[in-house]
Amino acid sequence: MNYHDNGNEEATEALLEAAPQWRRSTYCANGACVEVAARPDAVLVRDGKLVDDSPRLAFDPAAWRRFVDGIRAGDFEERPC
């Protein structure tokens, strides 16, 4: 398992101790989607195609919330140049 958390080794060890409950979007039809596991201390993200072999990224819950809010607001939609 690979975790990336900006160099915080204690946070990485805590994340490794408990098995996360992974969720995939209901819009994911072909398995080529990311999976997300929310925990009190972090939001984990992995590649749904690789499952247990996927590197996992750990995000601060507040940062993840801002990211999701940005998606819902259309902040990442492609715009013409």
C-alpha atoms as a PDB file:
ATOM      1  CA  MET A   1       0.000   0.000   0.000  1.00  0.00           C
ATOM      2  CA  ASN A   2       1.222   3.451  -0.854  1.00  0.00           C
ATOM      3  CA  TYR A   3      -0.013   6.547   0.935  1.00  0.00           C
ATOM      4  CA  HIS A   4       0.932  10.110   0.129  1.00  0.00           C
ATOM      5  CA  ASP A   5       0.224  12.684   2.832  1.00  0.00           C
ATOM      6  CA  ASN A   6       2.749  15.481   2.395  1.00  0.00           C
ATOM      7  CA  GLY A   7       5.383  13.808   4.573  1.00  0.00           C
ATOM      8  CA  ASN A   8       3.406  13.346   7.790  1.00  0.00           C
ATOM      9  CA  GLU A   9       4.571   9.863   8.858  1.00  0.00           C
ATOM     10  CA  GLU A  10       2.322   9.704  11.944  1.00  0.00           C
ATOM     11  CA  ALA A  11      -0.741  10.406   9.808  1.00  0.00           C
ATOM     12  CA  THR A  12       0.343   7.703   7.363  1.00  0.00           C
ATOM     13  CA  GLU A  13       0.695   5.115  10.123  1.00  0.00           C
ATOM     14  CA  ALA A  14      -2.755   5.982  11.500  1.00  0.00           C
ATOM     15  CA  LEU A  15      -4.277   5.560   8.045  1.00  0.00           C
ATOM     16  CA  LEU A  16      -2.731   2.115   7.661  1.00  0.00           C
ATOM     17  CA  GLU A  17      -4.219   0.788  10.910  1.00  0.00           C
ATOM     18  CA  ALA A  18      -7.925   0.692   9.971  1.00  0.00           C
ATOM     19  CA  ALA A  19      -9.444  -0.715   6.786  1.00  0.00           C
ATOM     20  CA  PRO A  20     -11.209   2.081   4.885  1.00  0.00           C
ATOM     21  CA  GLN A  21     -14.745   1.720   3.514  1.00  0.00           C
ATOM     22  CA  TRP A  22     -14.371   2.581  -0.183  1.00  0.00           C
ATOM     23  CA  ARG A  23     -17.176   4.142  -2.240  1.00  0.00           C
ATOM     24  CA  ARG A  24     -17.485   4.538  -5.991  1.00  0.00           C
ATOM     25  CA  SER A  25     -19.815   6.903  -7.819  1.00  0.00           C
ATOM     26  CA  THR A  26     -23.087   5.420  -9.018  1.00  0.00           C
ATOM     27  CA  TYR A  27     -22.252   7.115 -12.350  1.00  0.00           C
ATOM     28  CA  CYS A  28     -19.229   4.841 -12.770  1.00  0.00           C
ATOM     29  CA  ALA A  29     -20.230   2.329 -15.439  1.00  0.00           C
ATOM     30  CA  ASN A  30     -16.936   0.844 -16.609  1.00  0.00           C
ATOM     31  CA  GLY A  31     -14.842   0.593 -13.413  1.00  0.00           C
ATOM     32  CA  ALA A  32     -12.423   3.290 -14.583  1.00  0.00           C
ATOM     33  CA  CYS A  33     -13.296   5.605 -11.708  1.00  0.00           C
ATOM     34  CA  VAL A  34     -11.694   6.822  -8.536  1.00  0.00           C
ATOM     35  CA  GLU A  35     -12.850   5.472  -5.198  1.00  0.00           C
ATOM     36  CA  VAL A  36     -13.119   7.540  -2.040  1.00  0.00           C
ATOM     37  CA  ALA A  37     -13.046   6.566   1.632  1.00  0.00           C
ATOM     38  CA  ALA A  38     -13.964   9.220   4.199  1.00  0.00           C
ATOM     39  CA  ARG A  39     -12.419   9.046   7.654  1.00  0.00           C
ATOM     40  CA  PRO A  40     -12.456  11.592  10.483  1.00  0.00           C
ATOM     41  CA  ASP A  41      -8.779  12.437   9.935  1.00  0.00           C
ATOM     42  CA  ALA A  42      -8.540  12.212   6.130  1.00  0.00           C
ATOM     43  CA  VAL A  43     -10.300  11.521   2.862  1.00  0.00           C
ATOM     44  CA  LEU A  44      -8.556   8.741   0.939  1.00  0.00           C
ATOM     45  CA  VAL A  45      -8.640   8.450  -2.860  1.00  0.00           C
ATOM     46  CA  ARG A  46      -7.504   5.526  -5.020  1.00  0.00           C
ATOM     47  CA  ASP A  47      -7.754   4.304  -8.612  1.00  0.00           C
ATOM     48  CA  GLY A  48     -10.784   2.008  -8.879  1.00  0.00           C
ATOM     49  CA  LYS A  49      -9.189  -0.055 -11.664  1.00  0.00           C
ATOM     50  CA  LEU A  50      -6.254  -1.086  -9.484  1.00  0.00           C
ATOM     51  CA  VAL A  51      -8.187  -1.523  -6.206  1.00  0.00           C
ATOM     52  CA  ASP A  52      -5.778  -2.840  -3.551  1.00  0.00           C
ATOM     53  CA  ASP A  53      -2.713  -2.292  -5.763  1.00  0.00           C
ATOM     54  CA  SER A  54      -3.509   1.397  -6.216  1.00  0.00           C
ATOM     55  CA  PRO A  55      -1.482   4.113  -4.544  1.00  0.00           C
ATOM     56  CA  ARG A  56      -3.706   6.051  -2.146  1.00  0.00           C
ATOM     57  CA  LEU A  57      -3.779   9.763  -1.638  1.00  0.00           C
ATOM     58  CA  ALA A  58      -4.801  11.295   1.703  1.00  0.00           C
ATOM     59  CA  PHE A  59      -6.450  14.723   1.803  1.00  0.00           C
ATOM     60  CA  ASP A  60      -7.418  16.952   4.695  1.00  0.00           C
ATOM     61  CA  PRO A  61     -11.237  16.723   5.029  1.00  0.00           C
ATOM     62  CA  ALA A  62     -11.651  20.520   4.743  1.00  0.00           C
ATOM     63  CA  ALA A  63      -9.547  20.612   1.561  1.00  0.00           C
ATOM     64  CA  TRP A  64     -11.566  17.733   0.112  1.00  0.00           C
ATOM     65  CA  ARG A  65     -14.824  19.557   0.919  1.00  0.00           C
ATOM     66  CA  ARG A  66     -13.563  22.664  -0.938  1.00  0.00           C
ATOM     67  CA  PHE A  67     -12.648  20.470  -3.918  1.00  0.00           C
ATOM     68  CA  VAL A  68     -16.097  18.828  -4.020  1.00  0.00           C
ATOM     69  CA  ASP A  69     -17.804  22.210  -3.622  1.00  0.00           C
ATOM     70  CA  GLY A  70     -15.731  23.487  -6.569  1.00  0.00           C
ATOM     71  CA  ILE A  71     -16.834  20.546  -8.709  1.00  0.00           C
ATOM     72  CA  ARG A  72     -20.475  21.184  -7.874  1.00  0.00           C
ATOM     73  CA  ALA A  73     -20.050  24.894  -8.665  1.00  0.00           C
ATOM     74  CA  GLY A  74     -18.560  24.070 -12.084  1.00  0.00           C
ATOM     75  CA  ASP A  75     -15.139  25.510 -11.254  1.00  0.00           C
ATOM     76  CA  PHE A  76     -13.359  22.709 -13.138  1.00  0.00           C
ATOM     77  CA  GLU A  77     -15.470  22.585 -16.275  1.00  0.00           C
ATOM     78  CA  GLU A  78     -13.680  23.054 -19.557  1.00  0.00           C
ATOM     79  CA  ARG A  79     -14.109  26.557 -20.909  1.00  0.00           C
ATOM     80  CA  PRO A  80     -13.332  27.821 -24.405  1.00  0.00           C
ATOM     81  CA  CYS A  81     -10.115  29.800 -24.754  1.00  0.00           C
END
